[in-house]
Amino acid sequence: MVAVWANTTRRWPSFGWLADRWAAVAERGRRTSGRSVGADVIQRASTVRYYLGRGRRAREAGRFEDACSNARRAIDVNPGNPWSHALLGQCLMRLHQPDLVEARRAFERACALDPSNGYFVRLLLEVLDAQGDARAREDALAWAWWSGAPVERWLPDGPAPRSTVSPSPAASDAPSADRTPVGIKQPTPARRFEPVAVPERVTA
């Protein structure tokens, strides 16, 4: 190609011309890339809606295994969609053999993605009640309260402060044991000096 160029009467392109052409090609690439990224986002959103619709229809029809499969496909496409995690948790709870552990994890993920959504909070409370985890239920409600979720129906006065655990009467009546850690010597109490009465000297 160089030889062909050299045998012609054309002049070599200048550095300025090459720089202009390179800038034009780079700008065209950026525009194409921007359009492709936007098209990819739209395609992913459409795919998530497709799987969510299939999963919800399967849930309403009682086919919870198919609903879980479609919810997991929606999560694979976009893990940041909280509705996919909520659908998965609902279907896991309604299986013939409910998987409460995975359902709880799915609801916790949905609440983490959208902490102000009261619907997700209610789903999480349902699985916590099924597990009998009262402490986790209290923590979830307090966290939802401070996140702005509408949980006034469960917390009309707001989260209760943590109460300190007081010792039981049996423990307080029992003799106290030495609580000094092993290997640490207790300090020796200071000796108290009391004045001693000095007898008077008898003179002859």
N, C-alpha and C. Protein backbone atom coordinates (compact mmCIF):
# COMPACT_ATOMS: atom_id res chain seq x y z
N MET A 1 0.83 -1.20 0.00
CA MET A 1 0.00 0.00 0.00
C MET A 1 0.87 1.26 0.00
N VAL A 2 1.99 1.18 0.75
CA VAL A 2 2.91 2.32 0.78
C VAL A 2 3.53 2.52 -0.59
N ALA A 3 3.86 1.40 -1.24
CA ALA A 3 4.47 1.52 -2.58
C ALA A 3 3.50 2.13 -3.57
N VAL A 4 2.27 1.73 -3.52
CA VAL A 4 1.27 2.30 -4.41
C VAL A 4 1.12 3.79 -4.16
N TRP A 5 1.09 4.17 -2.85
CA TRP A 5 0.99 5.59 -2.51
C TRP A 5 2.21 6.37 -3.03
N ALA A 6 3.40 5.74 -2.92
CA ALA A 6 4.62 6.44 -3.34
C ALA A 6 4.65 6.64 -4.85
N ASN A 7 4.08 5.71 -5.63
CA ASN A 7 4.10 5.81 -7.09
C ASN A 7 3.08 6.79 -7.63
N THR A 8 2.20 7.27 -6.77
CA THR A 8 1.20 8.24 -7.21
C THR A 8 1.69 9.64 -6.92
N THR A 9 0.96 10.58 -7.40
CA THR A 9 1.33 11.98 -7.20
C THR A 9 0.67 12.57 -5.97
N ARG A 10 -0.06 11.72 -5.19
CA ARG A 10 -0.74 12.25 -4.02
C ARG A 10 0.28 12.55 -2.92
N ARG A 11 -0.07 13.52 -2.13
CA ARG A 11 0.79 13.89 -1.01
C ARG A 11 0.41 13.08 0.22
N TRP A 12 1.39 12.85 1.08
CA TRP A 12 1.11 12.14 2.33
C TRP A 12 0.17 12.99 3.20
N PRO A 13 -0.76 12.32 3.91
CA PRO A 13 -1.68 13.09 4.77
C PRO A 13 -0.91 13.76 5.91
N SER A 14 -1.35 14.95 6.23
CA SER A 14 -0.69 15.70 7.29
C SER A 14 -1.11 15.16 8.66
N PHE A 15 -0.33 15.53 9.66
CA PHE A 15 -0.64 15.11 11.03
C PHE A 15 -1.97 15.69 11.50
N GLY A 16 -2.26 16.91 11.13
CA GLY A 16 -3.53 17.53 11.51
C GLY A 16 -4.72 16.80 10.93
N TRP A 17 -4.57 16.38 9.65
CA TRP A 17 -5.67 15.64 9.02
C TRP A 17 -5.92 14.32 9.74
N LEU A 18 -4.83 13.61 10.07
CA LEU A 18 -4.96 12.34 10.78
C LEU A 18 -5.61 12.54 12.15
N ALA A 19 -5.23 13.61 12.85
CA ALA A 19 -5.82 13.88 14.16
C ALA A 19 -7.31 14.15 14.06
N ASP A 20 -7.69 14.90 13.04
CA ASP A 20 -9.12 15.18 12.85
C ASP A 20 -9.89 13.90 12.54
N ARG A 21 -9.32 13.06 11.67
CA ARG A 21 -10.01 11.81 11.33
C ARG A 21 -10.12 10.91 12.56
N TRP A 22 -9.07 10.85 13.36
CA TRP A 22 -9.09 10.01 14.56
C TRP A 22 -10.14 10.50 15.55
N ALA A 23 -10.26 11.80 15.73
CA ALA A 23 -11.27 12.36 16.64
C ALA A 23 -12.67 12.04 16.14
N ALA A 24 -12.88 12.11 14.81
CA ALA A 24 -14.20 11.80 14.26
C ALA A 24 -14.55 10.33 14.47
N VAL A 25 -13.58 9.45 14.26
CA VAL A 25 -13.83 8.01 14.46
C VAL A 25 -14.12 7.72 15.93
N ALA A 26 -13.38 8.36 16.86
CA ALA A 26 -13.60 8.13 18.29
C ALA A 26 -14.98 8.63 18.71
N GLU A 27 -15.40 9.80 18.19
CA GLU A 27 -16.72 10.33 18.53
C GLU A 27 -17.81 9.41 18.01
N ARG A 28 -17.63 8.87 16.80
CA ARG A 28 -18.61 7.95 16.27
C ARG A 28 -18.69 6.68 17.11
N GLY A 29 -17.54 6.22 17.62
CA GLY A 29 -17.54 5.04 18.48
C GLY A 29 -18.26 5.29 19.80
N ARG A 30 -18.05 6.50 20.36
CA ARG A 30 -18.74 6.82 21.62
C ARG A 30 -20.24 6.87 21.42
N ARG A 31 -20.69 7.44 20.33
CA ARG A 31 -22.13 7.49 20.07
C ARG A 31 -22.71 6.10 19.90
N THR A 32 -22.00 5.26 19.17
CA THR A 32 -22.48 3.88 18.97
C THR A 32 -22.51 3.12 20.27
N SER A 33 -21.46 3.34 21.10
CA SER A 33 -21.42 2.66 22.40
C SER A 33 -22.55 3.12 23.30
N GLY A 34 -22.84 4.43 23.31
CA GLY A 34 -23.93 4.94 24.13
C GLY A 34 -25.27 4.36 23.72
N ARG A 35 -25.48 4.27 22.39
CA ARG A 35 -26.72 3.67 21.93
C ARG A 35 -26.82 2.21 22.29
N SER A 36 -25.69 1.49 22.24
CA SER A 36 -25.72 0.07 22.58
C SER A 36 -25.97 -0.15 24.06
N VAL A 37 -25.41 0.72 24.91
CA VAL A 37 -25.65 0.60 26.35
C VAL A 37 -27.11 0.88 26.67
N GLY A 38 -27.67 1.92 26.07
CA GLY A 38 -29.08 2.21 26.29
C GLY A 38 -29.98 1.08 25.82
N ALA A 39 -29.65 0.50 24.67
CA ALA A 39 -30.45 -0.62 24.16
C ALA A 39 -30.32 -1.83 25.07
N ASP A 40 -29.12 -2.03 25.67
CA ASP A 40 -28.94 -3.16 26.58
C ASP A 40 -29.77 -2.99 27.84
N VAL A 41 -29.83 -1.77 28.37
CA VAL A 41 -30.64 -1.52 29.57
C VAL A 41 -32.12 -1.77 29.29
N ILE A 42 -32.58 -1.31 28.14
CA ILE A 42 -33.98 -1.51 27.78
C ILE A 42 -34.28 -3.00 27.60
N GLN A 43 -33.35 -3.71 26.98
CA GLN A 43 -33.55 -5.14 26.77
C GLN A 43 -33.59 -5.90 28.09
N ARG A 44 -32.73 -5.54 29.02
CA ARG A 44 -32.72 -6.21 30.33
C ARG A 44 -34.01 -5.93 31.09
N ALA A 45 -34.48 -4.68 31.06
CA ALA A 45 -35.73 -4.35 31.75
C ALA A 45 -36.90 -5.13 31.15
N SER A 46 -36.92 -5.27 29.84
CA SER A 46 -38.00 -6.02 29.20
C SER A 46 -37.93 -7.49 29.58
N THR A 47 -36.71 -8.03 29.67
CA THR A 47 -36.56 -9.44 30.04
C THR A 47 -37.01 -9.68 31.47
N VAL A 48 -36.68 -8.76 32.38
CA VAL A 48 -37.11 -8.89 33.77
C VAL A 48 -38.62 -8.85 33.86
N ARG A 49 -39.25 -7.91 33.16
CA ARG A 49 -40.72 -7.85 33.17
C ARG A 49 -41.33 -9.13 32.62
N TYR A 50 -40.70 -9.70 31.63
CA TYR A 50 -41.22 -10.94 31.02
C TYR A 50 -41.22 -12.07 32.04
N TYR A 51 -40.08 -12.27 32.71
CA TYR A 51 -39.98 -13.36 33.68
C TYR A 51 -40.84 -13.10 34.92
N LEU A 52 -40.94 -11.83 35.33
CA LEU A 52 -41.80 -11.51 36.47
C LEU A 52 -43.27 -11.81 36.14
N GLY A 53 -43.69 -11.48 34.93
CA GLY A 53 -45.06 -11.78 34.54
C GLY A 53 -45.33 -13.28 34.51
N ARG A 54 -44.40 -14.04 33.96
CA ARG A 54 -44.57 -15.50 33.95
C ARG A 54 -44.58 -16.06 35.36
N GLY A 55 -43.71 -15.53 36.21
CA GLY A 55 -43.66 -16.03 37.59
C GLY A 55 -44.93 -15.72 38.36
N ARG A 56 -45.46 -14.53 38.18
CA ARG A 56 -46.70 -14.17 38.90
C ARG A 56 -47.88 -14.99 38.42
N ARG A 57 -47.95 -15.24 37.12
CA ARG A 57 -49.04 -16.09 36.62
C ARG A 57 -48.91 -17.51 37.14
N ALA A 58 -47.68 -18.00 37.23
CA ALA A 58 -47.47 -19.34 37.78
C ALA A 58 -47.82 -19.38 39.26
N ARG A 59 -47.52 -18.32 39.98
CA ARG A 59 -47.88 -18.26 41.40
C ARG A 59 -49.38 -18.27 41.59
N GLU A 60 -50.09 -17.49 40.79
CA GLU A 60 -51.55 -17.46 40.91
C GLU A 60 -52.17 -18.80 40.54
N ALA A 61 -51.51 -19.55 39.66
CA ALA A 61 -52.03 -20.86 39.26
C ALA A 61 -51.62 -21.97 40.21
N GLY A 62 -50.83 -21.64 41.23
CA GLY A 62 -50.40 -22.65 42.19
C GLY A 62 -49.18 -23.44 41.76
N ARG A 63 -48.52 -23.05 40.68
CA ARG A 63 -47.31 -23.73 40.21
C ARG A 63 -46.09 -22.99 40.77
N PHE A 64 -45.83 -23.25 42.04
CA PHE A 64 -44.81 -22.46 42.75
C PHE A 64 -43.40 -22.83 42.31
N GLU A 65 -43.17 -24.07 41.88
CA GLU A 65 -41.84 -24.42 41.39
C GLU A 65 -41.50 -23.64 40.13
N ASP A 66 -42.48 -23.56 39.20
CA ASP A 66 -42.25 -22.76 37.99
C ASP A 66 -42.09 -21.28 38.32
N ALA A 67 -42.85 -20.81 39.31
CA ALA A 67 -42.73 -19.41 39.71
C ALA A 67 -41.35 -19.13 40.27
N CYS A 68 -40.81 -20.03 41.07
CA CYS A 68 -39.45 -19.85 41.61
C CYS A 68 -38.43 -19.82 40.49
N SER A 69 -38.61 -20.69 39.50
CA SER A 69 -37.68 -20.73 38.38
C SER A 69 -37.68 -19.42 37.61
N ASN A 70 -38.86 -18.87 37.34
CA ASN A 70 -38.93 -17.61 36.62
C ASN A 70 -38.39 -16.45 37.46
N ALA A 71 -38.63 -16.48 38.77
CA ALA A 71 -38.10 -15.43 39.63
C ALA A 71 -36.57 -15.46 39.64
N ARG A 72 -36.00 -16.65 39.67
CA ARG A 72 -34.53 -16.75 39.66
C ARG A 72 -33.96 -16.28 38.32
N ARG A 73 -34.67 -16.53 37.23
CA ARG A 73 -34.22 -16.02 35.93
C ARG A 73 -34.25 -14.50 35.91
N ALA A 74 -35.28 -13.92 36.48
CA ALA A 74 -35.34 -12.46 36.55
C ALA A 74 -34.20 -11.91 37.41
N ILE A 75 -33.86 -12.60 38.49
CA ILE A 75 -32.75 -12.15 39.34
C ILE A 75 -31.43 -12.27 38.60
N ASP A 76 -31.27 -13.32 37.80
CA ASP A 76 -30.03 -13.47 37.03
C ASP A 76 -29.86 -12.32 36.03
N VAL A 77 -30.96 -11.87 35.46
CA VAL A 77 -30.87 -10.76 34.50
C VAL A 77 -30.56 -9.45 35.21
N ASN A 78 -31.24 -9.20 36.33
CA ASN A 78 -31.03 -7.95 37.08
C ASN A 78 -31.14 -8.24 38.57
N PRO A 79 -30.02 -8.48 39.25
CA PRO A 79 -30.08 -8.77 40.69
C PRO A 79 -30.55 -7.59 41.54
N GLY A 80 -30.59 -6.39 40.97
CA GLY A 80 -30.98 -5.21 41.74
C GLY A 80 -32.46 -4.91 41.71
N ASN A 81 -33.27 -5.81 41.17
CA ASN A 81 -34.73 -5.60 41.15
C ASN A 81 -35.33 -6.23 42.39
N PRO A 82 -35.89 -5.44 43.32
CA PRO A 82 -36.40 -6.03 44.57
C PRO A 82 -37.65 -6.89 44.37
N TRP A 83 -38.44 -6.61 43.32
CA TRP A 83 -39.65 -7.38 43.11
C TRP A 83 -39.36 -8.83 42.74
N SER A 84 -38.24 -9.06 42.07
CA SER A 84 -37.86 -10.44 41.75
C SER A 84 -37.54 -11.23 43.02
N HIS A 85 -36.84 -10.61 43.96
CA HIS A 85 -36.52 -11.27 45.22
C HIS A 85 -37.79 -11.50 46.05
N ALA A 86 -38.70 -10.53 46.04
CA ALA A 86 -39.95 -10.71 46.78
C ALA A 86 -40.79 -11.85 46.22
N LEU A 87 -40.85 -11.94 44.89
CA LEU A 87 -41.59 -13.04 44.26
C LEU A 87 -40.97 -14.38 44.60
N LEU A 88 -39.66 -14.45 44.58
CA LEU A 88 -38.98 -15.69 44.93
C LEU A 88 -39.28 -16.10 46.37
N GLY A 89 -39.23 -15.15 47.29
CA GLY A 89 -39.52 -15.47 48.69
C GLY A 89 -40.95 -15.95 48.90
N GLN A 90 -41.90 -15.32 48.22
CA GLN A 90 -43.29 -15.75 48.35
C GLN A 90 -43.48 -17.18 47.87
N CYS A 91 -42.89 -17.50 46.75
CA CYS A 91 -43.06 -18.85 46.19
C CYS A 91 -42.33 -19.89 47.02
N LEU A 92 -41.19 -19.54 47.60
CA LEU A 92 -40.48 -20.49 48.46
C LEU A 92 -41.28 -20.80 49.71
N MET A 93 -42.02 -19.84 50.22
CA MET A 93 -42.85 -20.08 51.40
C MET A 93 -44.07 -20.94 51.09
N ARG A 94 -44.52 -20.95 49.84
CA ARG A 94 -45.73 -21.67 49.48
C ARG A 94 -45.46 -23.03 48.84
N LEU A 95 -44.21 -23.44 48.81
CA LEU A 95 -43.89 -24.76 48.29
C LEU A 95 -44.50 -25.85 49.18
N HIS A 96 -44.55 -27.09 48.63
CA HIS A 96 -45.06 -28.21 49.42
C HIS A 96 -44.22 -28.40 50.67
N GLN A 97 -42.91 -28.19 50.52
CA GLN A 97 -41.99 -28.17 51.67
C GLN A 97 -41.35 -26.78 51.70
N PRO A 98 -41.94 -25.87 52.46
CA PRO A 98 -41.45 -24.48 52.44
C PRO A 98 -39.99 -24.38 52.86
N ASP A 99 -39.28 -23.52 52.16
CA ASP A 99 -37.88 -23.23 52.47
C ASP A 99 -37.84 -21.85 53.13
N LEU A 100 -38.02 -21.83 54.46
CA LEU A 100 -38.11 -20.56 55.16
C LEU A 100 -36.78 -19.82 55.19
N VAL A 101 -35.69 -20.57 55.22
CA VAL A 101 -34.37 -19.92 55.28
C VAL A 101 -34.11 -19.12 54.01
N GLU A 102 -34.33 -19.75 52.85
CA GLU A 102 -34.11 -19.05 51.59
C GLU A 102 -35.15 -17.96 51.37
N ALA A 103 -36.38 -18.20 51.82
CA ALA A 103 -37.41 -17.16 51.70
C ALA A 103 -37.04 -15.94 52.52
N ARG A 104 -36.55 -16.16 53.72
CA ARG A 104 -36.12 -15.03 54.56
C ARG A 104 -34.97 -14.27 53.90
N ARG A 105 -34.03 -15.00 53.31
CA ARG A 105 -32.92 -14.33 52.64
C ARG A 105 -33.41 -13.50 51.46
N ALA A 106 -34.38 -14.02 50.73
CA ALA A 106 -34.92 -13.27 49.58
C ALA A 106 -35.65 -12.01 50.05
N PHE A 107 -36.44 -12.11 51.12
CA PHE A 107 -37.16 -10.92 51.61
C PHE A 107 -36.19 -9.90 52.20
N GLU A 108 -35.16 -10.36 52.87
CA GLU A 108 -34.16 -9.42 53.40
C GLU A 108 -33.45 -8.68 52.27
N ARG A 109 -33.20 -9.39 51.18
CA ARG A 109 -32.57 -8.73 50.03
C ARG A 109 -33.52 -7.70 49.43
N ALA A 110 -34.80 -8.05 49.33
CA ALA A 110 -35.77 -7.09 48.79
C ALA A 110 -35.86 -5.85 49.67
N CYS A 111 -35.87 -6.03 50.99
CA CYS A 111 -35.93 -4.88 51.91
C CYS A 111 -34.65 -4.06 51.83
N ALA A 112 -33.53 -4.70 51.63
CA ALA A 112 -32.28 -3.95 51.52
C ALA A 112 -32.26 -3.10 50.25
N LEU A 113 -32.84 -3.61 49.17
CA LEU A 113 -32.87 -2.85 47.92
C LEU A 113 -33.90 -1.72 47.97
N ASP A 114 -35.00 -1.91 48.70
CA ASP A 114 -36.04 -0.89 48.81
C ASP A 114 -36.52 -0.84 50.26
N PRO A 115 -35.75 -0.21 51.15
CA PRO A 115 -36.08 -0.27 52.58
C PRO A 115 -37.34 0.48 52.98
N SER A 116 -37.84 1.37 52.16
CA SER A 116 -39.03 2.13 52.52
C SER A 116 -40.32 1.50 52.00
N ASN A 117 -40.24 0.31 51.46
CA ASN A 117 -41.41 -0.37 50.91
C ASN A 117 -42.07 -1.20 52.02
N GLY A 118 -43.26 -0.79 52.46
CA GLY A 118 -43.94 -1.51 53.52
C GLY A 118 -44.39 -2.90 53.12
N TYR A 119 -44.63 -3.13 51.82
CA TYR A 119 -45.05 -4.46 51.36
C TYR A 119 -43.94 -5.48 51.59
N PHE A 120 -42.70 -5.10 51.30
CA PHE A 120 -41.58 -6.01 51.53
C PHE A 120 -41.38 -6.26 53.02
N VAL A 121 -41.59 -5.23 53.84
CA VAL A 121 -41.46 -5.40 55.28
C VAL A 121 -42.50 -6.40 55.80
N ARG A 122 -43.71 -6.31 55.29
CA ARG A 122 -44.75 -7.25 55.74
C ARG A 122 -44.41 -8.69 55.36
N LEU A 123 -43.86 -8.88 54.16
CA LEU A 123 -43.46 -10.23 53.75
C LEU A 123 -42.35 -10.76 54.65
N LEU A 124 -41.41 -9.90 55.00
CA LEU A 124 -40.33 -10.32 55.88
C LEU A 124 -40.86 -10.67 57.27
N LEU A 125 -41.81 -9.90 57.78
CA LEU A 125 -42.39 -10.20 59.09
C LEU A 125 -43.13 -11.53 59.07
N GLU A 126 -43.75 -11.87 57.96
CA GLU A 126 -44.46 -13.14 57.88
C GLU A 126 -43.51 -14.33 58.03
N VAL A 127 -42.39 -14.27 57.35
CA VAL A 127 -41.45 -15.39 57.44
C VAL A 127 -40.77 -15.42 58.81
N LEU A 128 -40.55 -14.25 59.42
CA LEU A 128 -39.94 -14.22 60.76
C LEU A 128 -40.92 -14.78 61.80
N ASP A 129 -42.21 -14.49 61.62
CA ASP A 129 -43.21 -15.08 62.52
C ASP A 129 -43.29 -16.59 62.34
N ALA A 130 -43.16 -17.05 61.10
CA ALA A 130 -43.18 -18.49 60.86
C ALA A 130 -41.97 -19.18 61.49
N GLN A 131 -40.84 -18.48 61.55
CA GLN A 131 -39.65 -19.04 62.19
C GLN A 131 -39.66 -18.85 63.69
N GLY A 132 -40.52 -17.98 64.19
CA GLY A 132 -40.56 -17.71 65.63
C GLY A 132 -39.39 -16.90 66.12
N ASP A 133 -38.82 -16.07 65.27
CA ASP A 133 -37.66 -15.25 65.64
C ASP A 133 -38.15 -13.86 66.05
N ALA A 134 -38.51 -13.71 67.32
CA ALA A 134 -39.05 -12.44 67.80
C ALA A 134 -38.01 -11.33 67.80
N ARG A 135 -36.77 -11.67 68.13
CA ARG A 135 -35.72 -10.65 68.18
C ARG A 135 -35.45 -10.08 66.78
N ALA A 136 -35.40 -10.96 65.78
CA ALA A 136 -35.18 -10.49 64.41
C ALA A 136 -36.37 -9.67 63.93
N ARG A 137 -37.57 -10.03 64.37
CA ARG A 137 -38.76 -9.27 63.99
C ARG A 137 -38.68 -7.85 64.55
N GLU A 138 -38.25 -7.73 65.80
CA GLU A 138 -38.11 -6.41 66.42
C GLU A 138 -37.06 -5.58 65.71
N ASP A 139 -35.94 -6.22 65.36
CA ASP A 139 -34.88 -5.50 64.66
C ASP A 139 -35.34 -5.06 63.27
N ALA A 140 -36.08 -5.93 62.58
CA ALA A 140 -36.55 -5.58 61.23
C ALA A 140 -37.52 -4.41 61.28
N LEU A 141 -38.40 -4.39 62.27
CA LEU A 141 -39.34 -3.29 62.39
C LEU A 141 -38.63 -1.98 62.73
N ALA A 142 -37.66 -2.05 63.63
CA ALA A 142 -36.92 -0.83 63.98
C ALA A 142 -36.16 -0.29 62.78
N TRP A 143 -35.52 -1.18 62.03
CA TRP A 143 -34.77 -0.76 60.85
C TRP A 143 -35.71 -0.16 59.81
N ALA A 144 -36.88 -0.78 59.62
CA ALA A 144 -37.85 -0.26 58.65
C ALA A 144 -38.38 1.10 59.10
N TRP A 145 -38.57 1.26 60.40
CA TRP A 145 -39.05 2.55 60.92
C TRP A 145 -38.07 3.66 60.58
N TRP A 146 -36.80 3.44 60.88
CA TRP A 146 -35.80 4.48 60.62
C TRP A 146 -35.52 4.65 59.14
N SER A 147 -35.90 3.67 58.31
CA SER A 147 -35.72 3.80 56.86
C SER A 147 -36.89 4.52 56.20
N GLY A 148 -37.95 4.81 56.96
CA GLY A 148 -39.08 5.53 56.40
C GLY A 148 -40.20 4.66 55.89
N ALA A 149 -40.19 3.36 56.21
CA ALA A 149 -41.26 2.48 55.75
C ALA A 149 -42.52 2.71 56.60
N PRO A 150 -43.70 2.56 56.02
CA PRO A 150 -44.96 2.77 56.77
C PRO A 150 -45.26 1.57 57.67
N VAL A 151 -44.68 1.57 58.85
CA VAL A 151 -44.87 0.45 59.79
C VAL A 151 -45.58 0.92 61.05
N GLU A 152 -46.37 1.98 60.97
CA GLU A 152 -47.05 2.49 62.16
C GLU A 152 -48.07 1.50 62.72
N ARG A 153 -48.58 0.63 61.87
CA ARG A 153 -49.55 -0.36 62.36
C ARG A 153 -48.92 -1.34 63.32
N TRP A 154 -47.61 -1.57 63.20
CA TRP A 154 -46.90 -2.45 64.13
C TRP A 154 -46.16 -1.66 65.20
N LEU A 155 -45.75 -0.45 64.87
CA LEU A 155 -45.01 0.39 65.82
C LEU A 155 -45.69 1.76 65.90
N PRO A 156 -46.84 1.85 66.60
CA PRO A 156 -47.52 3.16 66.66
C PRO A 156 -46.72 4.22 67.40
N ASP A 157 -45.88 3.79 68.36
CA ASP A 157 -45.09 4.73 69.15
C ASP A 157 -43.62 4.70 68.80
N GLY A 158 -43.27 4.04 67.72
CA GLY A 158 -41.87 3.96 67.34
C GLY A 158 -41.17 2.80 68.02
N PRO A 159 -39.92 2.56 67.64
CA PRO A 159 -39.16 1.45 68.24
C PRO A 159 -38.96 1.66 69.73
N ALA A 160 -39.09 0.58 70.47
CA ALA A 160 -38.86 0.64 71.91
C ALA A 160 -37.37 0.58 72.18
N PRO A 161 -36.90 1.32 73.20
CA PRO A 161 -35.47 1.24 73.53
C PRO A 161 -35.11 -0.12 74.08
N ARG A 162 -33.85 -0.46 73.87
CA ARG A 162 -33.37 -1.74 74.37
C ARG A 162 -33.40 -1.76 75.90
N SER A 163 -33.94 -2.84 76.48
CA SER A 163 -33.99 -2.98 77.93
C SER A 163 -32.81 -3.80 78.40
N THR A 164 -32.23 -3.35 79.50
CA THR A 164 -31.11 -4.07 80.08
C THR A 164 -31.61 -5.29 80.83
N VAL A 165 -30.87 -6.35 80.76
CA VAL A 165 -31.25 -7.60 81.41
C VAL A 165 -30.81 -7.53 82.87
N SER A 166 -31.77 -7.63 83.79
CA SER A 166 -31.47 -7.58 85.22
C SER A 166 -31.26 -8.99 85.74
N PRO A 167 -30.39 -9.18 86.73
CA PRO A 167 -30.16 -10.52 87.26
C PRO A 167 -31.40 -11.05 87.95
N SER A 168 -31.59 -12.34 87.81
CA SER A 168 -32.74 -12.98 88.43
C SER A 168 -32.54 -13.08 89.93
N PRO A 169 -33.64 -13.21 90.73
CA PRO A 169 -33.49 -13.30 92.18
C PRO A 169 -32.64 -14.49 92.60
N ALA A 170 -32.77 -15.59 91.89
CA ALA A 170 -31.98 -16.76 92.26
C ALA A 170 -30.50 -16.49 92.10
N ALA A 171 -30.16 -15.76 91.01
CA ALA A 171 -28.75 -15.46 90.80
C ALA A 171 -28.24 -14.45 91.80
N SER A 172 -29.10 -13.51 92.22
CA SER A 172 -28.64 -12.49 93.17
C SER A 172 -28.51 -13.07 94.57
N ASP A 173 -29.33 -14.08 94.93
CA ASP A 173 -29.24 -14.68 96.25
C ASP A 173 -28.09 -15.65 96.37
N ALA A 174 -27.62 -16.13 95.23
CA ALA A 174 -26.53 -17.10 95.27
C ALA A 174 -25.24 -16.41 95.66
N PRO A 175 -24.32 -17.15 96.31
CA PRO A 175 -23.04 -16.54 96.66
C PRO A 175 -22.27 -16.15 95.41
N SER A 176 -21.68 -14.99 95.49
CA SER A 176 -20.94 -14.49 94.33
C SER A 176 -19.62 -15.21 94.23
N ALA A 177 -19.29 -15.62 93.01
CA ALA A 177 -18.02 -16.30 92.76
C ALA A 177 -16.97 -15.29 92.39
N ASP A 178 -15.72 -15.74 92.42
CA ASP A 178 -14.62 -14.87 92.06
C ASP A 178 -14.67 -14.63 90.55
N ARG A 179 -14.86 -13.39 90.13
CA ARG A 179 -14.98 -13.05 88.73
C ARG A 179 -13.67 -12.55 88.14
N THR A 180 -12.57 -12.67 88.89
CA THR A 180 -11.29 -12.21 88.38
C THR A 180 -10.82 -13.12 87.27
N PRO A 181 -10.46 -12.60 86.09
CA PRO A 181 -9.99 -13.45 85.01
C PRO A 181 -8.76 -14.24 85.42
N VAL A 182 -8.61 -15.38 84.79
CA VAL A 182 -7.48 -16.25 85.10
C VAL A 182 -6.18 -15.56 84.67
N GLY A 183 -5.17 -15.65 85.51
CA GLY A 183 -3.87 -15.07 85.20
C GLY A 183 -3.72 -13.64 85.64
N ILE A 184 -4.76 -13.01 86.17
CA ILE A 184 -4.69 -11.63 86.65
C ILE A 184 -4.78 -11.64 88.17
N LYS A 185 -3.78 -11.10 88.82
CA LYS A 185 -3.72 -11.09 90.27
C LYS A 185 -4.47 -9.91 90.83
N GLN A 186 -5.30 -10.19 91.84
CA GLN A 186 -6.04 -9.10 92.46
C GLN A 186 -5.11 -8.22 93.26
N PRO A 187 -5.36 -6.90 93.25
CA PRO A 187 -4.49 -6.02 94.04
C PRO A 187 -4.68 -6.26 95.53
N THR A 188 -3.57 -6.19 96.24
CA THR A 188 -3.60 -6.39 97.70
C THR A 188 -4.15 -5.14 98.37
N PRO A 189 -5.15 -5.29 99.22
CA PRO A 189 -5.72 -4.10 99.87
C PRO A 189 -4.69 -3.41 100.75
N ALA A 190 -4.75 -2.10 100.81
CA ALA A 190 -3.79 -1.32 101.60
C ALA A 190 -3.99 -1.59 103.09
N ARG A 191 -2.87 -1.73 103.79
CA ARG A 191 -2.93 -2.00 105.23
C ARG A 191 -3.28 -0.72 105.99
N ARG A 192 -4.16 -0.89 106.94
CA ARG A 192 -4.57 0.25 107.76
C ARG A 192 -3.74 0.28 109.05
N PHE A 193 -3.16 1.42 109.30
CA PHE A 193 -2.36 1.59 110.50
C PHE A 193 -3.17 2.37 111.52
N GLU A 194 -3.28 1.81 112.71
CA GLU A 194 -4.01 2.48 113.79
C GLU A 194 -3.01 2.96 114.84
N PRO A 195 -3.23 4.10 115.40
CA PRO A 195 -2.29 4.61 116.42
C PRO A 195 -2.28 3.72 117.67
N VAL A 196 -1.10 3.50 118.15
CA VAL A 196 -0.93 2.66 119.35
C VAL A 196 -0.64 3.58 120.54
N ALA A 197 -1.34 3.34 121.62
CA ALA A 197 -1.15 4.16 122.83
C ALA A 197 0.21 3.86 123.46
N VAL A 198 1.03 4.89 123.63
CA VAL A 198 2.37 4.75 124.23
C VAL A 198 2.26 4.99 125.72
N PRO A 199 2.70 4.06 126.58
CA PRO A 199 2.60 4.26 128.05
C PRO A 199 3.47 5.43 128.49
N GLU A 200 2.97 6.11 129.48
CA GLU A 200 3.74 7.27 129.99
C GLU A 200 4.97 6.78 130.74
N ARG A 201 6.00 7.55 130.58
CA ARG A 201 7.25 7.20 131.25
C ARG A 201 7.19 7.58 132.73
N VAL A 202 7.49 6.63 133.58
CA VAL A 202 7.41 6.88 135.04
C VAL A 202 8.80 7.33 135.51
N THR A 203 8.82 8.47 136.16
CA THR A 203 10.10 8.99 136.66
C THR A 203 10.20 8.68 138.14
N ALA A 204 11.41 8.36 138.59
CA ALA A 204 11.62 8.05 140.00
C ALA A 204 11.62 9.32 140.82
